N, C-alpha and C. Protein backbone atom coordinates (compact mmCIF):
# COMPACT_ATOMS: atom_id res chain seq x y z
N MET A 1 0.84 -1.18 0.00
CA MET A 1 0.00 0.00 0.00
C MET A 1 0.89 1.24 0.00
N THR A 2 0.61 2.17 -0.89
CA THR A 2 1.42 3.38 -0.98
C THR A 2 0.97 4.39 0.06
N PRO A 3 1.88 5.17 0.60
CA PRO A 3 1.49 6.17 1.60
C PRO A 3 0.68 7.30 0.95
N ALA A 4 -0.11 7.95 1.76
CA ALA A 4 -0.94 9.06 1.27
C ALA A 4 -0.04 10.21 0.83
N PRO A 5 -0.44 10.93 -0.24
CA PRO A 5 0.39 12.05 -0.71
C PRO A 5 0.49 13.17 0.32
N TRP A 6 -0.49 13.31 1.16
CA TRP A 6 -0.47 14.32 2.21
C TRP A 6 -0.65 13.63 3.55
N PRO A 7 0.39 13.07 4.12
CA PRO A 7 0.24 12.28 5.35
C PRO A 7 -0.24 13.10 6.54
N TRP A 8 -0.08 14.41 6.52
CA TRP A 8 -0.49 15.23 7.64
C TRP A 8 -1.99 15.50 7.65
N LEU A 9 -2.69 15.17 6.57
CA LEU A 9 -4.13 15.37 6.52
C LEU A 9 -4.84 14.05 6.77
N CYS A 10 -5.78 14.08 7.68
CA CYS A 10 -6.57 12.87 7.87
C CYS A 10 -7.69 12.84 6.84
N ARG A 11 -8.28 11.70 6.66
CA ARG A 11 -9.30 11.51 5.63
C ARG A 11 -10.49 12.45 5.81
N ILE A 12 -10.93 12.67 7.05
CA ILE A 12 -12.11 13.52 7.27
C ILE A 12 -11.83 14.96 6.88
N GLU A 13 -10.61 15.45 7.10
CA GLU A 13 -10.29 16.82 6.69
C GLU A 13 -10.34 16.96 5.17
N ILE A 14 -9.88 15.95 4.48
CA ILE A 14 -9.91 15.99 3.02
C ILE A 14 -11.36 15.97 2.53
N ARG A 15 -12.17 15.05 3.07
CA ARG A 15 -13.57 14.97 2.65
C ARG A 15 -14.33 16.23 3.01
N HIS A 16 -14.10 16.75 4.20
CA HIS A 16 -14.81 17.95 4.62
C HIS A 16 -14.51 19.09 3.66
N GLY A 17 -13.25 19.23 3.28
CA GLY A 17 -12.88 20.29 2.35
C GLY A 17 -13.52 20.13 0.99
N CYS A 18 -13.64 18.91 0.52
CA CYS A 18 -14.23 18.66 -0.79
C CYS A 18 -15.74 18.85 -0.78
N TRP A 19 -16.40 18.45 0.29
CA TRP A 19 -17.86 18.45 0.32
C TRP A 19 -18.47 19.76 0.80
N TYR A 20 -17.82 20.42 1.77
CA TYR A 20 -18.51 21.50 2.45
C TYR A 20 -17.89 22.88 2.28
N ASP A 21 -16.65 22.98 1.87
CA ASP A 21 -16.01 24.29 1.85
C ASP A 21 -16.55 25.20 0.76
N GLU A 22 -16.89 24.67 -0.39
CA GLU A 22 -17.39 25.52 -1.46
C GLU A 22 -18.81 25.97 -1.18
N GLY A 23 -18.98 27.29 -1.05
CA GLY A 23 -20.31 27.84 -0.87
C GLY A 23 -20.85 27.75 0.55
N MET A 24 -20.14 27.12 1.46
CA MET A 24 -20.60 27.01 2.83
C MET A 24 -19.51 27.50 3.77
N ALA A 25 -19.80 28.52 4.53
CA ALA A 25 -18.83 29.02 5.50
C ALA A 25 -18.83 28.09 6.72
N LYS A 26 -17.65 27.70 7.16
CA LYS A 26 -17.55 26.77 8.28
C LYS A 26 -18.17 27.34 9.56
N GLU A 27 -18.02 28.66 9.76
CA GLU A 27 -18.55 29.24 11.00
C GLU A 27 -20.08 29.24 11.03
N GLN A 28 -20.72 29.00 9.91
CA GLN A 28 -22.17 28.96 9.86
C GLN A 28 -22.70 27.54 9.97
N MET A 29 -21.84 26.56 10.01
CA MET A 29 -22.26 25.17 10.06
C MET A 29 -22.25 24.66 11.49
N LYS A 30 -23.14 23.75 11.81
CA LYS A 30 -23.18 23.10 13.11
C LYS A 30 -23.21 21.61 12.89
N LYS A 31 -22.28 20.91 13.50
CA LYS A 31 -22.21 19.45 13.37
C LYS A 31 -23.21 18.83 14.33
N LEU A 32 -24.00 17.88 13.84
CA LEU A 32 -25.02 17.22 14.65
C LEU A 32 -24.78 15.72 14.69
N THR A 33 -25.12 15.13 15.81
CA THR A 33 -25.19 13.68 15.92
C THR A 33 -26.64 13.39 16.30
N ILE A 34 -27.35 12.68 15.44
CA ILE A 34 -28.77 12.45 15.69
C ILE A 34 -29.09 10.97 15.61
N LEU A 35 -30.11 10.59 16.32
CA LEU A 35 -30.62 9.22 16.25
C LEU A 35 -31.99 9.28 15.59
N VAL A 36 -32.14 8.57 14.49
CA VAL A 36 -33.41 8.54 13.77
C VAL A 36 -33.73 7.08 13.46
N PRO A 37 -35.01 6.76 13.37
CA PRO A 37 -35.37 5.39 12.97
C PRO A 37 -34.81 5.08 11.58
N GLU A 38 -34.22 3.89 11.44
CA GLU A 38 -33.61 3.49 10.17
C GLU A 38 -34.61 3.56 9.02
N ASP A 39 -35.83 3.09 9.25
CA ASP A 39 -36.83 3.07 8.19
C ASP A 39 -37.17 4.48 7.73
N LEU A 40 -37.29 5.42 8.68
CA LEU A 40 -37.59 6.81 8.33
C LEU A 40 -36.47 7.40 7.48
N LEU A 41 -35.23 7.18 7.88
CA LEU A 41 -34.11 7.70 7.11
C LEU A 41 -34.05 7.05 5.73
N ARG A 42 -34.29 5.76 5.66
CA ARG A 42 -34.25 5.05 4.38
C ARG A 42 -35.32 5.60 3.43
N ARG A 43 -36.54 5.80 3.94
CA ARG A 43 -37.62 6.33 3.09
C ARG A 43 -37.32 7.76 2.65
N ALA A 44 -36.77 8.56 3.56
CA ALA A 44 -36.44 9.94 3.21
C ALA A 44 -35.33 9.99 2.17
N GLN A 45 -34.32 9.12 2.32
CA GLN A 45 -33.24 9.08 1.34
C GLN A 45 -33.74 8.60 -0.01
N ARG A 46 -34.68 7.69 -0.01
CA ARG A 46 -35.26 7.23 -1.27
C ARG A 46 -35.98 8.39 -1.96
N ALA A 47 -36.66 9.22 -1.18
CA ALA A 47 -37.38 10.36 -1.74
C ALA A 47 -36.44 11.43 -2.28
N THR A 48 -35.33 11.68 -1.57
CA THR A 48 -34.40 12.72 -2.01
C THR A 48 -33.36 12.22 -2.98
N LYS A 49 -33.19 10.89 -3.03
CA LYS A 49 -32.14 10.29 -3.86
C LYS A 49 -30.77 10.87 -3.48
N ALA A 50 -30.55 11.03 -2.18
CA ALA A 50 -29.30 11.61 -1.68
C ALA A 50 -28.89 10.87 -0.41
N GLY A 51 -27.73 11.21 0.10
CA GLY A 51 -27.22 10.61 1.32
C GLY A 51 -27.90 11.16 2.55
N ALA A 52 -27.41 10.73 3.71
CA ALA A 52 -28.04 11.11 4.98
C ALA A 52 -27.95 12.61 5.24
N THR A 53 -26.78 13.19 5.06
CA THR A 53 -26.61 14.62 5.36
C THR A 53 -27.48 15.51 4.47
N PRO A 54 -27.47 15.35 3.14
CA PRO A 54 -28.35 16.19 2.32
C PRO A 54 -29.83 15.95 2.62
N THR A 55 -30.18 14.72 2.99
CA THR A 55 -31.58 14.41 3.29
C THR A 55 -32.02 15.13 4.56
N VAL A 56 -31.20 15.09 5.60
CA VAL A 56 -31.53 15.78 6.84
C VAL A 56 -31.56 17.29 6.61
N ARG A 57 -30.61 17.79 5.82
CA ARG A 57 -30.57 19.23 5.53
C ARG A 57 -31.85 19.66 4.81
N LYS A 58 -32.29 18.87 3.82
CA LYS A 58 -33.52 19.20 3.08
C LYS A 58 -34.73 19.20 4.00
N GLY A 59 -34.80 18.22 4.90
CA GLY A 59 -35.90 18.18 5.86
C GLY A 59 -35.91 19.40 6.76
N LEU A 60 -34.74 19.84 7.22
CA LEU A 60 -34.67 21.03 8.06
C LEU A 60 -35.06 22.28 7.28
N GLU A 61 -34.66 22.36 6.01
CA GLU A 61 -35.06 23.51 5.18
C GLU A 61 -36.57 23.57 5.01
N LEU A 62 -37.20 22.42 4.76
CA LEU A 62 -38.65 22.39 4.60
C LEU A 62 -39.36 22.77 5.89
N LEU A 63 -38.86 22.30 7.01
CA LEU A 63 -39.45 22.65 8.30
C LEU A 63 -39.30 24.14 8.59
N ALA A 64 -38.14 24.70 8.26
CA ALA A 64 -37.91 26.13 8.49
C ALA A 64 -38.81 26.98 7.60
N ALA A 65 -39.19 26.49 6.42
CA ALA A 65 -40.04 27.25 5.50
C ALA A 65 -41.52 27.12 5.86
N HIS A 66 -41.85 26.33 6.85
CA HIS A 66 -43.23 26.06 7.22
C HIS A 66 -44.02 27.34 7.50
N ASP A 67 -43.43 28.31 8.21
CA ASP A 67 -44.13 29.56 8.53
C ASP A 67 -44.49 30.33 7.27
N ALA A 68 -43.58 30.35 6.30
CA ALA A 68 -43.88 31.05 5.04
C ALA A 68 -45.04 30.38 4.32
N TYR A 69 -45.05 29.05 4.31
CA TYR A 69 -46.16 28.34 3.67
C TYR A 69 -47.48 28.62 4.38
N ASP A 70 -47.46 28.67 5.71
CA ASP A 70 -48.68 29.00 6.46
C ASP A 70 -49.19 30.39 6.10
N GLY A 71 -48.27 31.34 5.97
CA GLY A 71 -48.66 32.69 5.59
C GLY A 71 -49.30 32.74 4.21
N LEU A 72 -48.75 31.99 3.29
CA LEU A 72 -49.33 31.94 1.94
C LEU A 72 -50.70 31.27 1.95
N ARG A 73 -50.84 30.21 2.75
CA ARG A 73 -52.15 29.53 2.84
C ARG A 73 -53.22 30.46 3.39
N LYS A 74 -52.85 31.34 4.31
CA LYS A 74 -53.83 32.27 4.88
C LYS A 74 -54.30 33.28 3.84
N LEU A 75 -53.49 33.53 2.81
CA LEU A 75 -53.88 34.47 1.75
C LEU A 75 -54.78 33.84 0.70
N GLN A 76 -54.92 32.52 0.75
CA GLN A 76 -55.70 31.83 -0.27
C GLN A 76 -57.13 32.38 -0.33
N GLY A 77 -57.53 32.79 -1.53
CA GLY A 77 -58.87 33.33 -1.74
C GLY A 77 -58.99 34.80 -1.43
N LYS A 78 -57.95 35.45 -0.91
CA LYS A 78 -58.02 36.86 -0.53
C LYS A 78 -57.31 37.77 -1.50
N VAL A 79 -56.56 37.20 -2.44
CA VAL A 79 -55.81 38.00 -3.41
C VAL A 79 -56.52 37.91 -4.75
N LYS A 80 -56.79 39.05 -5.34
CA LYS A 80 -57.47 39.10 -6.64
C LYS A 80 -56.46 39.47 -7.71
N PHE A 81 -56.42 38.68 -8.78
CA PHE A 81 -55.52 38.93 -9.89
C PHE A 81 -56.30 39.50 -11.06
N GLY A 82 -55.63 40.34 -11.87
CA GLY A 82 -56.25 40.93 -13.05
C GLY A 82 -56.24 40.00 -14.25
N LEU A 83 -55.50 38.90 -14.16
CA LEU A 83 -55.39 37.96 -15.26
C LEU A 83 -55.91 36.59 -14.82
N THR A 84 -56.40 35.84 -15.77
CA THR A 84 -56.79 34.46 -15.47
C THR A 84 -55.54 33.59 -15.56
N TRP A 85 -55.63 32.37 -15.06
CA TRP A 85 -54.47 31.48 -15.13
C TRP A 85 -54.15 31.11 -16.57
N GLN A 86 -55.18 31.09 -17.44
CA GLN A 86 -54.92 30.81 -18.85
C GLN A 86 -54.13 31.95 -19.50
N GLU A 87 -54.46 33.18 -19.14
CA GLU A 87 -53.73 34.35 -19.67
C GLU A 87 -52.30 34.37 -19.16
N LEU A 88 -52.10 33.99 -17.92
CA LEU A 88 -50.75 33.92 -17.36
C LEU A 88 -49.90 32.89 -18.11
N ARG A 89 -50.52 31.76 -18.45
CA ARG A 89 -49.80 30.70 -19.18
C ARG A 89 -49.59 31.06 -20.64
N GLY A 90 -50.37 31.99 -21.15
CA GLY A 90 -50.26 32.35 -22.56
C GLY A 90 -51.19 31.55 -23.45
N ASP A 91 -52.18 30.88 -22.88
CA ASP A 91 -53.13 30.09 -23.66
C ASP A 91 -54.15 30.97 -24.39
N GLU A 92 -54.37 32.16 -23.90
CA GLU A 92 -55.37 33.04 -24.53
C GLU A 92 -54.70 34.24 -25.16
């Protein structure tokens, strides 16, 4: 087995740099250790077609957006538009 080209770097530092450094500031990230039912994680990963971390992140994003969705639902039927949906689509 050949030695690693950068013996001073452990594997996790290399992976962390490849996966998280671009577009994500380290000071804004929080590392979590969570226990979730295996079946729930498996079903969620099947739905996202992604690994555990992106799946959990997507779930947290959806939960955080819940208030905005509630606000939009409260507006249902109270906003009047000057165009029909067909006109918006360009059908008319």
